[in-house]
mmCIF file of all heavy atoms, coordinates in Angstrom:
data_MODEL
# 
_entry.id   MODEL 
# 
loop_
_atom_site.group_PDB 
_atom_site.id 
_atom_site.type_symbol 
_atom_site.label_atom_id 
_atom_site.label_alt_id 
_atom_site.label_comp_id 
_atom_site.label_asym_id 
_atom_site.label_entity_id 
_atom_site.label_seq_id 
_atom_site.pdbx_PDB_ins_code 
_atom_site.Cartn_x 
_atom_site.Cartn_y 
_atom_site.Cartn_z 
_atom_site.occupancy 
_atom_site.B_iso_or_equiv 
_atom_site.pdbx_formal_charge 
_atom_site.auth_seq_id 
_atom_site.auth_comp_id 
_atom_site.auth_asym_id 
_atom_site.auth_atom_id 
_atom_site.pdbx_PDB_model_num 
ATOM 1   N N   . ALA A 1 1  ? 28.309 -74.448 -44.831 1.00 0.00 ? 1  ALA A N   1 
ATOM 2   C CA  . ALA A 1 1  ? 27.807 -75.321 -45.897 1.00 0.00 ? 1  ALA A CA  1 
ATOM 3   C C   . ALA A 1 1  ? 28.590 -76.636 -45.933 1.00 0.00 ? 1  ALA A C   1 
ATOM 4   O O   . ALA A 1 1  ? 29.747 -76.690 -45.489 1.00 0.00 ? 1  ALA A O   1 
ATOM 5   C CB  . ALA A 1 1  ? 27.923 -74.604 -47.245 1.00 0.00 ? 1  ALA A CB  1 
ATOM 6   N N   . PRO A 1 2  ? 27.990 -77.693 -46.485 1.00 0.00 ? 2  PRO A N   1 
ATOM 7   C CA  . PRO A 1 2  ? 28.730 -78.960 -46.616 1.00 0.00 ? 2  PRO A CA  1 
ATOM 8   C C   . PRO A 1 2  ? 30.022 -78.809 -47.404 1.00 0.00 ? 2  PRO A C   1 
ATOM 9   O O   . PRO A 1 2  ? 30.954 -79.598 -47.217 1.00 0.00 ? 2  PRO A O   1 
ATOM 10  C CB  . PRO A 1 2  ? 27.736 -79.868 -47.350 1.00 0.00 ? 2  PRO A CB  1 
ATOM 11  C CG  . PRO A 1 2  ? 26.389 -79.311 -47.007 1.00 0.00 ? 2  PRO A CG  1 
ATOM 12  C CD  . PRO A 1 2  ? 26.580 -77.832 -46.922 1.00 0.00 ? 2  PRO A CD  1 
ATOM 13  N N   . GLU A 1 3  ? 30.081 -77.800 -48.264 1.00 0.00 ? 3  GLU A N   1 
ATOM 14  C CA  . GLU A 1 3  ? 31.288 -77.552 -49.060 1.00 0.00 ? 3  GLU A CA  1 
ATOM 15  C C   . GLU A 1 3  ? 32.362 -76.814 -48.275 1.00 0.00 ? 3  GLU A C   1 
ATOM 16  O O   . GLU A 1 3  ? 33.420 -76.477 -48.821 1.00 0.00 ? 3  GLU A O   1 
ATOM 17  C CB  . GLU A 1 3  ? 30.929 -76.743 -50.310 1.00 0.00 ? 3  GLU A CB  1 
ATOM 18  C CG  . GLU A 1 3  ? 30.005 -77.448 -51.275 1.00 0.00 ? 3  GLU A CG  1 
ATOM 19  C CD  . GLU A 1 3  ? 28.523 -77.285 -50.933 1.00 0.00 ? 3  GLU A CD  1 
ATOM 20  O OE1 . GLU A 1 3  ? 28.219 -76.594 -49.929 1.00 0.00 ? 3  GLU A OE1 1 
ATOM 21  O OE2 . GLU A 1 3  ? 27.670 -77.829 -51.681 1.00 0.00 ? 3  GLU A OE2 1 
ATOM 22  N N   . GLN A 1 4  ? 32.134 -76.591 -46.964 1.00 0.00 ? 4  GLN A N   1 
ATOM 23  C CA  . GLN A 1 4  ? 33.070 -75.849 -46.125 1.00 0.00 ? 4  GLN A CA  1 
ATOM 24  C C   . GLN A 1 4  ? 33.461 -76.671 -44.891 1.00 0.00 ? 4  GLN A C   1 
ATOM 25  O O   . GLN A 1 4  ? 33.081 -76.342 -43.763 1.00 0.00 ? 4  GLN A O   1 
ATOM 26  C CB  . GLN A 1 4  ? 32.450 -74.513 -45.691 1.00 0.00 ? 4  GLN A CB  1 
ATOM 27  C CG  . GLN A 1 4  ? 32.196 -73.553 -46.851 1.00 0.00 ? 4  GLN A CG  1 
ATOM 28  C CD  . GLN A 1 4  ? 31.340 -72.371 -46.431 1.00 0.00 ? 4  GLN A CD  1 
ATOM 29  O OE1 . GLN A 1 4  ? 30.136 -72.515 -46.211 1.00 0.00 ? 4  GLN A OE1 1 
ATOM 30  N NE2 . GLN A 1 4  ? 31.939 -71.197 -46.324 1.00 0.00 ? 4  GLN A NE2 1 
ATOM 31  N N   . PRO A 1 5  ? 34.229 -77.736 -45.053 1.00 0.00 ? 5  PRO A N   1 
ATOM 32  C CA  . PRO A 1 5  ? 34.594 -78.578 -43.898 1.00 0.00 ? 5  PRO A CA  1 
ATOM 33  C C   . PRO A 1 5  ? 35.494 -77.838 -42.916 1.00 0.00 ? 5  PRO A C   1 
ATOM 34  O O   . PRO A 1 5  ? 36.417 -77.112 -43.300 1.00 0.00 ? 5  PRO A O   1 
ATOM 35  C CB  . PRO A 1 5  ? 35.340 -79.751 -44.549 1.00 0.00 ? 5  PRO A CB  1 
ATOM 36  C CG  . PRO A 1 5  ? 35.865 -79.196 -45.844 1.00 0.00 ? 5  PRO A CG  1 
ATOM 37  C CD  . PRO A 1 5  ? 34.817 -78.231 -46.311 1.00 0.00 ? 5  PRO A CD  1 
ATOM 38  N N   . ASP A 1 6  ? 35.228 -78.034 -41.616 1.00 0.00 ? 6  ASP A N   1 
ATOM 39  C CA  . ASP A 1 6  ? 35.998 -77.364 -40.574 1.00 0.00 ? 6  ASP A CA  1 
ATOM 40  C C   . ASP A 1 6  ? 37.372 -78.006 -40.400 1.00 0.00 ? 6  ASP A C   1 
ATOM 41  O O   . ASP A 1 6  ? 37.498 -79.240 -40.338 1.00 0.00 ? 6  ASP A O   1 
ATOM 42  C CB  . ASP A 1 6  ? 35.252 -77.442 -39.238 1.00 0.00 ? 6  ASP A CB  1 
ATOM 43  C CG  . ASP A 1 6  ? 34.208 -76.357 -39.110 1.00 0.00 ? 6  ASP A CG  1 
ATOM 44  O OD1 . ASP A 1 6  ? 33.498 -76.099 -40.100 1.00 0.00 ? 6  ASP A OD1 1 
ATOM 45  O OD2 . ASP A 1 6  ? 34.093 -75.760 -38.021 1.00 0.00 ? 6  ASP A OD2 1 
ATOM 46  N N   . LEU A 1 7  ? 38.376 -77.156 -40.280 1.00 0.00 ? 7  LEU A N   1 
ATOM 47  C CA  . LEU A 1 7  ? 39.725 -77.617 -39.947 1.00 0.00 ? 7  LEU A CA  1 
ATOM 48  C C   . LEU A 1 7  ? 39.780 -78.038 -38.478 1.00 0.00 ? 7  LEU A C   1 
ATOM 49  O O   . LEU A 1 7  ? 39.045 -77.515 -37.639 1.00 0.00 ? 7  LEU A O   1 
ATOM 50  C CB  . LEU A 1 7  ? 40.732 -76.503 -40.205 1.00 0.00 ? 7  LEU A CB  1 
ATOM 51  C CG  . LEU A 1 7  ? 41.014 -76.209 -41.683 1.00 0.00 ? 7  LEU A CG  1 
ATOM 52  C CD1 . LEU A 1 7  ? 41.559 -74.803 -41.858 1.00 0.00 ? 7  LEU A CD1 1 
ATOM 53  C CD2 . LEU A 1 7  ? 41.965 -77.245 -42.267 1.00 0.00 ? 7  LEU A CD2 1 
ATOM 54  N N   . ASN A 1 8  ? 40.672 -78.951 -38.181 1.00 0.00 ? 8  ASN A N   1 
ATOM 55  C CA  . ASN A 1 8  ? 40.846 -79.443 -36.816 1.00 0.00 ? 8  ASN A CA  1 
ATOM 56  C C   . ASN A 1 8  ? 42.028 -78.728 -36.169 1.00 0.00 ? 8  ASN A C   1 
ATOM 57  O O   . ASN A 1 8  ? 43.184 -79.134 -36.313 1.00 0.00 ? 8  ASN A O   1 
ATOM 58  C CB  . ASN A 1 8  ? 41.067 -80.955 -36.809 1.00 0.00 ? 8  ASN A CB  1 
ATOM 59  C CG  . ASN A 1 8  ? 41.251 -81.497 -35.399 1.00 0.00 ? 8  ASN A CG  1 
ATOM 60  O OD1 . ASN A 1 8  ? 40.923 -80.822 -34.419 1.00 0.00 ? 8  ASN A OD1 1 
ATOM 61  N ND2 . ASN A 1 8  ? 41.768 -82.711 -35.292 1.00 0.00 ? 8  ASN A ND2 1 
ATOM 62  N N   . TRP A 1 9  ? 41.740 -77.662 -35.442 1.00 0.00 ? 9  TRP A N   1 
ATOM 63  C CA  . TRP A 1 9  ? 42.798 -76.882 -34.813 1.00 0.00 ? 9  TRP A CA  1 
ATOM 64  C C   . TRP A 1 9  ? 43.464 -77.626 -33.657 1.00 0.00 ? 9  TRP A C   1 
ATOM 65  O O   . TRP A 1 9  ? 44.496 -77.172 -33.148 1.00 0.00 ? 9  TRP A O   1 
ATOM 66  C CB  . TRP A 1 9  ? 42.220 -75.545 -34.336 1.00 0.00 ? 9  TRP A CB  1 
ATOM 67  C CG  . TRP A 1 9  ? 42.143 -74.532 -35.424 1.00 0.00 ? 9  TRP A CG  1 
ATOM 68  C CD1 . TRP A 1 9  ? 41.310 -74.539 -36.512 1.00 0.00 ? 9  TRP A CD1 1 
ATOM 69  C CD2 . TRP A 1 9  ? 42.942 -73.346 -35.547 1.00 0.00 ? 9  TRP A CD2 1 
ATOM 70  N NE1 . TRP A 1 9  ? 41.541 -73.449 -37.301 1.00 0.00 ? 9  TRP A NE1 1 
ATOM 71  C CE2 . TRP A 1 9  ? 42.526 -72.691 -36.728 1.00 0.00 ? 9  TRP A CE2 1 
ATOM 72  C CE3 . TRP A 1 9  ? 43.940 -72.774 -34.772 1.00 0.00 ? 9  TRP A CE3 1 
ATOM 73  C CZ2 . TRP A 1 9  ? 43.101 -71.499 -37.156 1.00 0.00 ? 9  TRP A CZ2 1 
ATOM 74  C CZ3 . TRP A 1 9  ? 44.513 -71.581 -35.190 1.00 0.00 ? 9  TRP A CZ3 1 
ATOM 75  C CH2 . TRP A 1 9  ? 44.101 -70.958 -36.371 1.00 0.00 ? 9  TRP A CH2 1 
ATOM 76  N N   . GLU A 1 10 ? 42.918 -78.721 -33.229 1.00 0.00 ? 10 GLU A N   1 
ATOM 77  C CA  . GLU A 1 10 ? 43.573 -79.524 -32.197 1.00 0.00 ? 10 GLU A CA  1 
ATOM 78  C C   . GLU A 1 10 ? 44.871 -80.144 -32.727 1.00 0.00 ? 10 GLU A C   1 
ATOM 79  O O   . GLU A 1 10 ? 45.761 -80.504 -31.949 1.00 0.00 ? 10 GLU A O   1 
ATOM 80  C CB  . GLU A 1 10 ? 42.641 -80.645 -31.723 1.00 0.00 ? 10 GLU A CB  1 
ATOM 81  C CG  . GLU A 1 10 ? 41.364 -80.165 -31.061 1.00 0.00 ? 10 GLU A CG  1 
ATOM 82  C CD  . GLU A 1 10 ? 41.601 -79.568 -29.689 1.00 0.00 ? 10 GLU A CD  1 
ATOM 83  O OE1 . GLU A 1 10 ? 42.492 -80.069 -28.965 1.00 0.00 ? 10 GLU A OE1 1 
ATOM 84  O OE2 . GLU A 1 10 ? 40.908 -78.586 -29.342 1.00 0.00 ? 10 GLU A OE2 1 
ATOM 85  N N   . ASN A 1 11 ? 44.978 -80.272 -34.050 1.00 0.00 ? 11 ASN A N   1 
ATOM 86  C CA  . ASN A 1 11 ? 46.146 -80.889 -34.678 1.00 0.00 ? 11 ASN A CA  1 
ATOM 87  C C   . ASN A 1 11 ? 47.223 -79.818 -34.891 1.00 0.00 ? 11 ASN A C   1 
ATOM 88  O O   . ASN A 1 11 ? 47.035 -78.884 -35.675 1.00 0.00 ? 11 ASN A O   1 
ATOM 89  C CB  . ASN A 1 11 ? 45.731 -81.514 -36.015 1.00 0.00 ? 11 ASN A CB  1 
ATOM 90  C CG  . ASN A 1 11 ? 46.867 -82.253 -36.685 1.00 0.00 ? 11 ASN A CG  1 
ATOM 91  O OD1 . ASN A 1 11 ? 47.900 -81.685 -36.988 1.00 0.00 ? 11 ASN A OD1 1 
ATOM 92  N ND2 . ASN A 1 11 ? 46.655 -83.539 -36.959 1.00 0.00 ? 11 ASN A ND2 1 
ATOM 93  N N   . LYS A 1 12 ? 48.336 -79.928 -34.201 1.00 0.00 ? 12 LYS A N   1 
ATOM 94  C CA  . LYS A 1 12 ? 49.384 -78.912 -34.260 1.00 0.00 ? 12 LYS A CA  1 
ATOM 95  C C   . LYS A 1 12 ? 49.966 -78.772 -35.657 1.00 0.00 ? 12 LYS A C   1 
ATOM 96  O O   . LYS A 1 12 ? 50.276 -77.658 -36.112 1.00 0.00 ? 12 LYS A O   1 
ATOM 97  C CB  . LYS A 1 12 ? 50.488 -79.239 -33.251 1.00 0.00 ? 12 LYS A CB  1 
ATOM 98  C CG  . LYS A 1 12 ? 51.549 -78.155 -33.188 1.00 0.00 ? 12 LYS A CG  1 
ATOM 99  C CD  . LYS A 1 12 ? 52.579 -78.437 -32.106 1.00 0.00 ? 12 LYS A CD  1 
ATOM 100 C CE  . LYS A 1 12 ? 53.614 -77.304 -32.044 1.00 0.00 ? 12 LYS A CE  1 
ATOM 101 N NZ  . LYS A 1 12 ? 54.627 -77.546 -30.979 1.00 0.00 ? 12 LYS A NZ  1 
ATOM 102 N N   . GLU A 1 13 ? 50.147 -79.891 -36.342 1.00 0.00 ? 13 GLU A N   1 
ATOM 103 C CA  . GLU A 1 13 ? 50.695 -79.839 -37.694 1.00 0.00 ? 13 GLU A CA  1 
ATOM 104 C C   . GLU A 1 13 ? 49.774 -79.035 -38.618 1.00 0.00 ? 13 GLU A C   1 
ATOM 105 O O   . GLU A 1 13 ? 50.242 -78.255 -39.455 1.00 0.00 ? 13 GLU A O   1 
ATOM 106 C CB  . GLU A 1 13 ? 50.886 -81.255 -38.241 1.00 0.00 ? 13 GLU A CB  1 
ATOM 107 C CG  . GLU A 1 13 ? 51.570 -81.306 -39.590 1.00 0.00 ? 13 GLU A CG  1 
ATOM 108 C CD  . GLU A 1 13 ? 51.735 -82.724 -40.102 1.00 0.00 ? 13 GLU A CD  1 
ATOM 109 O OE1 . GLU A 1 13 ? 50.837 -83.564 -39.833 1.00 0.00 ? 13 GLU A OE1 1 
ATOM 110 O OE2 . GLU A 1 13 ? 52.742 -83.001 -40.752 1.00 0.00 ? 13 GLU A OE2 1 
ATOM 111 N N   . CYS A 1 14 ? 48.469 -79.224 -38.432 1.00 0.00 ? 14 CYS A N   1 
ATOM 112 C CA  . CYS A 1 14 ? 47.496 -78.452 -39.211 1.00 0.00 ? 14 CYS A CA  1 
ATOM 113 C C   . CYS A 1 14 ? 47.632 -76.966 -38.890 1.00 0.00 ? 14 CYS A C   1 
ATOM 114 O O   . CYS A 1 14 ? 47.651 -76.126 -39.797 1.00 0.00 ? 14 CYS A O   1 
ATOM 115 C CB  . CYS A 1 14 ? 46.086 -78.956 -38.906 1.00 0.00 ? 14 CYS A CB  1 
ATOM 116 S SG  . CYS A 1 14 ? 44.768 -78.016 -39.697 1.00 0.00 ? 14 CYS A SG  1 
ATOM 117 N N   . ARG A 1 15 ? 47.724 -76.620 -37.619 1.00 0.00 ? 15 ARG A N   1 
ATOM 118 C CA  . ARG A 1 15 ? 47.864 -75.211 -37.233 1.00 0.00 ? 15 ARG A CA  1 
ATOM 119 C C   . ARG A 1 15 ? 49.114 -74.598 -37.841 1.00 0.00 ? 15 ARG A C   1 
ATOM 120 O O   . ARG A 1 15 ? 49.083 -73.470 -38.358 1.00 0.00 ? 15 ARG A O   1 
ATOM 121 C CB  . ARG A 1 15 ? 47.903 -75.054 -35.704 1.00 0.00 ? 15 ARG A CB  1 
ATOM 122 C CG  . ARG A 1 15 ? 46.629 -75.473 -34.998 1.00 0.00 ? 15 ARG A CG  1 
ATOM 123 C CD  . ARG A 1 15 ? 46.522 -74.878 -33.597 1.00 0.00 ? 15 ARG A CD  1 
ATOM 124 N NE  . ARG A 1 15 ? 47.676 -75.088 -32.741 1.00 0.00 ? 15 ARG A NE  1 
ATOM 125 C CZ  . ARG A 1 15 ? 47.896 -76.166 -32.005 1.00 0.00 ? 15 ARG A CZ  1 
ATOM 126 N NH1 . ARG A 1 15 ? 47.046 -77.195 -32.070 1.00 0.00 ? 15 ARG A NH1 1 
ATOM 127 N NH2 . ARG A 1 15 ? 48.957 -76.237 -31.208 1.00 0.00 ? 15 ARG A NH2 1 
ATOM 128 N N   . GLU A 1 16 ? 50.210 -75.317 -37.796 1.00 0.00 ? 16 GLU A N   1 
ATOM 129 C CA  . GLU A 1 16 ? 51.458 -74.780 -38.358 1.00 0.00 ? 16 GLU A CA  1 
ATOM 130 C C   . GLU A 1 16 ? 51.325 -74.534 -39.864 1.00 0.00 ? 16 GLU A C   1 
ATOM 131 O O   . GLU A 1 16 ? 51.871 -73.563 -40.390 1.00 0.00 ? 16 GLU A O   1 
ATOM 132 C CB  . GLU A 1 16 ? 52.620 -75.730 -38.061 1.00 0.00 ? 16 GLU A CB  1 
ATOM 133 C CG  . GLU A 1 16 ? 53.044 -75.757 -36.602 1.00 0.00 ? 16 GLU A CG  1 
ATOM 134 C CD  . GLU A 1 16 ? 53.523 -74.402 -36.113 1.00 0.00 ? 16 GLU A CD  1 
ATOM 135 O OE1 . GLU A 1 16 ? 54.062 -73.621 -36.928 1.00 0.00 ? 16 GLU A OE1 1 
ATOM 136 O OE2 . GLU A 1 16 ? 53.342 -74.099 -34.911 1.00 0.00 ? 16 GLU A OE2 1 
ATOM 137 N N   . ALA A 1 17 ? 50.615 -75.418 -40.543 1.00 0.00 ? 17 ALA A N   1 
ATOM 138 C CA  . ALA A 1 17 ? 50.393 -75.210 -41.980 1.00 0.00 ? 17 ALA A CA  1 
ATOM 139 C C   . ALA A 1 17 ? 49.540 -73.972 -42.227 1.00 0.00 ? 17 ALA A C   1 
ATOM 140 O O   . ALA A 1 17 ? 49.782 -73.207 -43.171 1.00 0.00 ? 17 ALA A O   1 
ATOM 141 C CB  . ALA A 1 17 ? 49.732 -76.451 -42.582 1.00 0.00 ? 17 ALA A CB  1 
ATOM 142 N N   . ILE A 1 18 ? 48.529 -73.767 -41.385 1.00 0.00 ? 18 ILE A N   1 
ATOM 143 C CA  . ILE A 1 18 ? 47.705 -72.568 -41.488 1.00 0.00 ? 18 ILE A CA  1 
ATOM 144 C C   . ILE A 1 18 ? 48.569 -71.325 -41.326 1.00 0.00 ? 18 ILE A C   1 
ATOM 145 O O   . ILE A 1 18 ? 48.499 -70.379 -42.132 1.00 0.00 ? 18 ILE A O   1 
ATOM 146 C CB  . ILE A 1 18 ? 46.581 -72.593 -40.440 1.00 0.00 ? 18 ILE A CB  1 
ATOM 147 C CG1 . ILE A 1 18 ? 45.565 -73.694 -40.755 1.00 0.00 ? 18 ILE A CG1 1 
ATOM 148 C CG2 . ILE A 1 18 ? 45.888 -71.230 -40.361 1.00 0.00 ? 18 ILE A CG2 1 
ATOM 149 C CD1 . ILE A 1 18 ? 44.566 -73.956 -39.639 1.00 0.00 ? 18 ILE A CD1 1 
ATOM 150 N N   . TYR A 1 19 ? 49.400 -71.300 -40.297 1.00 0.00 ? 19 TYR A N   1 
ATOM 151 C CA  . TYR A 1 19 ? 50.228 -70.118 -40.036 1.00 0.00 ? 19 TYR A CA  1 
ATOM 152 C C   . TYR A 1 19 ? 51.193 -69.844 -41.189 1.00 0.00 ? 19 TYR A C   1 
ATOM 153 O O   . TYR A 1 19 ? 51.365 -68.689 -41.597 1.00 0.00 ? 19 TYR A O   1 
ATOM 154 C CB  . TYR A 1 19 ? 51.025 -70.305 -38.738 1.00 0.00 ? 19 TYR A CB  1 
ATOM 155 C CG  . TYR A 1 19 ? 50.183 -70.600 -37.520 1.00 0.00 ? 19 TYR A CG  1 
ATOM 156 C CD1 . TYR A 1 19 ? 50.687 -71.363 -36.469 1.00 0.00 ? 19 TYR A CD1 1 
ATOM 157 C CD2 . TYR A 1 19 ? 48.876 -70.116 -37.403 1.00 0.00 ? 19 TYR A CD2 1 
ATOM 158 C CE1 . TYR A 1 19 ? 49.924 -71.640 -35.338 1.00 0.00 ? 19 TYR A CE1 1 
ATOM 159 C CE2 . TYR A 1 19 ? 48.108 -70.393 -36.287 1.00 0.00 ? 19 TYR A CE2 1 
ATOM 160 C CZ  . TYR A 1 19 ? 48.629 -71.158 -35.259 1.00 0.00 ? 19 TYR A CZ  1 
ATOM 161 O OH  . TYR A 1 19 ? 47.871 -71.438 -34.153 1.00 0.00 ? 19 TYR A OH  1 
ATOM 162 N N   . GLU A 1 20 ? 51.801 -70.888 -41.711 1.00 0.00 ? 20 GLU A N   1 
ATOM 163 C CA  . GLU A 1 20 ? 52.810 -70.709 -42.751 1.00 0.00 ? 20 GLU A CA  1 
ATOM 164 C C   . GLU A 1 20 ? 52.184 -70.402 -44.111 1.00 0.00 ? 20 GLU A C   1 
ATOM 165 O O   . GLU A 1 20 ? 52.621 -69.486 -44.809 1.00 0.00 ? 20 GLU A O   1 
ATOM 166 C CB  . GLU A 1 20 ? 53.683 -71.968 -42.846 1.00 0.00 ? 20 GLU A CB  1 
ATOM 167 C CG  . GLU A 1 20 ? 54.783 -71.876 -43.896 1.00 0.00 ? 20 GLU A CG  1 
ATOM 168 C CD  . GLU A 1 20 ? 55.818 -70.810 -43.590 1.00 0.00 ? 20 GLU A CD  1 
ATOM 169 O OE1 . GLU A 1 20 ? 55.973 -70.427 -42.408 1.00 0.00 ? 20 GLU A OE1 1 
ATOM 170 O OE2 . GLU A 1 20 ? 56.495 -70.359 -44.540 1.00 0.00 ? 20 GLU A OE2 1 
ATOM 171 N N   . GLU A 1 21 ? 51.173 -71.147 -44.488 1.00 0.00 ? 21 GLU A N   1 
ATOM 172 C CA  . GLU A 1 21 ? 50.661 -71.064 -45.855 1.00 0.00 ? 21 GLU A CA  1 
ATOM 173 C C   . GLU A 1 21 ? 49.601 -69.984 -46.047 1.00 0.00 ? 21 GLU A C   1 
ATOM 174 O O   . GLU A 1 21 ? 49.338 -69.575 -47.186 1.00 0.00 ? 21 GLU A O   1 
ATOM 175 C CB  . GLU A 1 21 ? 50.113 -72.425 -46.290 1.00 0.00 ? 21 GLU A CB  1 
ATOM 176 C CG  . GLU A 1 21 ? 51.189 -73.508 -46.316 1.00 0.00 ? 21 GLU A CG  1 
ATOM 177 C CD  . GLU A 1 21 ? 50.741 -74.772 -47.016 1.00 0.00 ? 21 GLU A CD  1 
ATOM 178 O OE1 . GLU A 1 21 ? 49.891 -74.698 -47.927 1.00 0.00 ? 21 GLU A OE1 1 
ATOM 179 O OE2 . GLU A 1 21 ? 51.250 -75.851 -46.650 1.00 0.00 ? 21 GLU A OE2 1 
ATOM 180 N N   . THR A 1 22 ? 48.984 -69.543 -44.965 1.00 0.00 ? 22 THR A N   1 
ATOM 181 C CA  . THR A 1 22 ? 47.977 -68.494 -45.127 1.00 0.00 ? 22 THR A CA  1 
ATOM 182 C C   . THR A 1 22 ? 48.470 -67.146 -44.593 1.00 0.00 ? 22 THR A C   1 
ATOM 183 O O   . THR A 1 22 ? 48.337 -66.126 -45.262 1.00 0.00 ? 22 THR A O   1 
ATOM 184 C CB  . THR A 1 22 ? 46.669 -68.853 -44.396 1.00 0.00 ? 22 THR A CB  1 
ATOM 185 O OG1 . THR A 1 22 ? 46.847 -68.764 -42.975 1.00 0.00 ? 22 THR A OG1 1 
ATOM 186 C CG2 . THR A 1 22 ? 46.204 -70.245 -44.753 1.00 0.00 ? 22 THR A CG2 1 
ATOM 187 N N   . MET A 1 23 ? 49.068 -67.116 -43.414 1.00 0.00 ? 23 MET A N   1 
ATOM 188 C CA  . MET A 1 23 ? 49.441 -65.843 -42.784 1.00 0.00 ? 23 MET A CA  1 
ATOM 189 C C   . MET A 1 23 ? 50.804 -65.355 -43.244 1.00 0.00 ? 23 MET A C   1 
ATOM 190 O O   . MET A 1 23 ? 50.933 -64.268 -43.828 1.00 0.00 ? 23 MET A O   1 
ATOM 191 C CB  . MET A 1 23 ? 49.395 -65.994 -41.269 1.00 0.00 ? 23 MET A CB  1 
ATOM 192 C CG  . MET A 1 23 ? 48.008 -66.363 -40.751 1.00 0.00 ? 23 MET A CG  1 
ATOM 193 S SD  . MET A 1 23 ? 47.984 -66.597 -38.942 1.00 0.00 ? 23 MET A SD  1 
ATOM 194 C CE  . MET A 1 23 ? 46.360 -67.320 -38.738 1.00 0.00 ? 23 MET A CE  1 
ATOM 195 N N   . ARG A 1 24 ? 51.849 -66.138 -42.976 1.00 0.00 ? 24 ARG A N   1 
ATOM 196 C CA  . ARG A 1 24 ? 53.189 -65.664 -43.314 1.00 0.00 ? 24 ARG A CA  1 
ATOM 197 C C   . ARG A 1 24 ? 53.344 -65.454 -44.818 1.00 0.00 ? 24 ARG A C   1 
ATOM 198 O O   . ARG A 1 24 ? 54.066 -64.534 -45.244 1.00 0.00 ? 24 ARG A O   1 
ATOM 199 C CB  . ARG A 1 24 ? 54.244 -66.658 -42.810 1.00 0.00 ? 24 ARG A CB  1 
ATOM 200 C CG  . ARG A 1 24 ? 54.323 -66.757 -41.289 1.00 0.00 ? 24 ARG A CG  1 
ATOM 201 C CD  . ARG A 1 24 ? 55.551 -67.545 -40.851 1.00 0.00 ? 24 ARG A CD  1 
ATOM 202 N NE  . ARG A 1 24 ? 55.547 -67.774 -39.400 1.00 0.00 ? 24 ARG A NE  1 
ATOM 203 C CZ  . ARG A 1 24 ? 55.158 -68.889 -38.814 1.00 0.00 ? 24 ARG A CZ  1 
ATOM 204 N NH1 . ARG A 1 24 ? 54.736 -69.919 -39.553 1.00 0.00 ? 24 ARG A NH1 1 
ATOM 205 N NH2 . ARG A 1 24 ? 55.182 -69.007 -37.496 1.00 0.00 ? 24 ARG A NH2 1 
ATOM 206 N N   . PHE A 1 25 ? 52.705 -66.284 -45.616 1.00 0.00 ? 25 PHE A N   1 
ATOM 207 C CA  . PHE A 1 25 ? 52.817 -66.131 -47.069 1.00 0.00 ? 25 PHE A CA  1 
ATOM 208 C C   . PHE A 1 25 ? 52.440 -64.717 -47.502 1.00 0.00 ? 25 PHE A C   1 
ATOM 209 O O   . PHE A 1 25 ? 53.143 -64.074 -48.291 1.00 0.00 ? 25 PHE A O   1 
ATOM 210 C CB  . PHE A 1 25 ? 51.928 -67.161 -47.776 1.00 0.00 ? 25 PHE A CB  1 
ATOM 211 C CG  . PHE A 1 25 ? 51.921 -67.022 -49.279 1.00 0.00 ? 25 PHE A CG  1 
ATOM 212 C CD1 . PHE A 1 25 ? 52.912 -67.612 -50.039 1.00 0.00 ? 25 PHE A CD1 1 
ATOM 213 C CD2 . PHE A 1 25 ? 50.934 -66.296 -49.925 1.00 0.00 ? 25 PHE A CD2 1 
ATOM 214 C CE1 . PHE A 1 25 ? 52.909 -67.478 -51.430 1.00 0.00 ? 25 PHE A CE1 1 
ATOM 215 C CE2 . PHE A 1 25 ? 50.922 -66.158 -51.305 1.00 0.00 ? 25 PHE A CE2 1 
ATOM 216 C CZ  . PHE A 1 25 ? 51.921 -66.749 -52.049 1.00 0.00 ? 25 PHE A CZ  1 
ATOM 217 N N   . TRP A 1 26 ? 51.330 -64.203 -46.964 1.00 0.00 ? 26 TRP A N   1 
ATOM 218 C CA  . TRP A 1 26 ? 50.856 -62.880 -47.373 1.00 0.00 ? 26 TRP A CA  1 
ATOM 219 C C   . TRP A 1 26 ? 51.559 -61.765 -46.623 1.00 0.00 ? 26 TRP A C   1 
ATOM 220 O O   . TRP A 1 26 ? 51.768 -60.664 -47.183 1.00 0.00 ? 26 TRP A O   1 
ATOM 221 C CB  . TRP A 1 26 ? 49.337 -62.804 -47.209 1.00 0.00 ? 26 TRP A CB  1 
ATOM 222 C CG  . TRP A 1 26 ? 48.658 -63.632 -48.256 1.00 0.00 ? 26 TRP A CG  1 
ATOM 223 C CD1 . TRP A 1 26 ? 48.100 -64.867 -48.097 1.00 0.00 ? 26 TRP A CD1 1 
ATOM 224 C CD2 . TRP A 1 26 ? 48.548 -63.302 -49.640 1.00 0.00 ? 26 TRP A CD2 1 
ATOM 225 N NE1 . TRP A 1 26 ? 47.630 -65.332 -49.306 1.00 0.00 ? 26 TRP A NE1 1 
ATOM 226 C CE2 . TRP A 1 26 ? 47.885 -64.395 -50.265 1.00 0.00 ? 26 TRP A CE2 1 
ATOM 227 C CE3 . TRP A 1 26 ? 48.925 -62.209 -50.401 1.00 0.00 ? 26 TRP A CE3 1 
ATOM 228 C CZ2 . TRP A 1 26 ? 47.613 -64.401 -51.638 1.00 0.00 ? 26 TRP A CZ2 1 
ATOM 229 C CZ3 . TRP A 1 26 ? 48.653 -62.211 -51.766 1.00 0.00 ? 26 TRP A CZ3 1 
ATOM 230 C CH2 . TRP A 1 26 ? 48.005 -63.301 -52.367 1.00 0.00 ? 26 TRP A CH2 1 
ATOM 231 N N   . LEU A 1 27 ? 51.966 -62.008 -45.402 1.00 0.00 ? 27 LEU A N   1 
ATOM 232 C CA  . LEU A 1 27 ? 52.710 -60.984 -44.670 1.00 0.00 ? 27 LEU A CA  1 
ATOM 233 C C   . LEU A 1 27 ? 54.058 -60.715 -45.336 1.00 0.00 ? 27 LEU A C   1 
ATOM 234 O O   . LEU A 1 27 ? 54.520 -59.563 -45.401 1.00 0.00 ? 27 LEU A O   1 
ATOM 235 C CB  . LEU A 1 27 ? 52.897 -61.406 -43.217 1.00 0.00 ? 27 LEU A CB  1 
ATOM 236 C CG  . LEU A 1 27 ? 51.613 -61.445 -42.376 1.00 0.00 ? 27 LEU A CG  1 
ATOM 237 C CD1 . LEU A 1 27 ? 51.868 -62.125 -41.049 1.00 0.00 ? 27 LEU A CD1 1 
ATOM 238 C CD2 . LEU A 1 27 ? 51.041 -60.045 -42.177 1.00 0.00 ? 27 LEU A CD2 1 
# 
């Protein structure tokens, strides 16, 4: 949906934020 913009996984800084703020936070 237009309300669901895709993240740019080509950007390393973005990937690191994903790993830290979504995965490690809950693990």
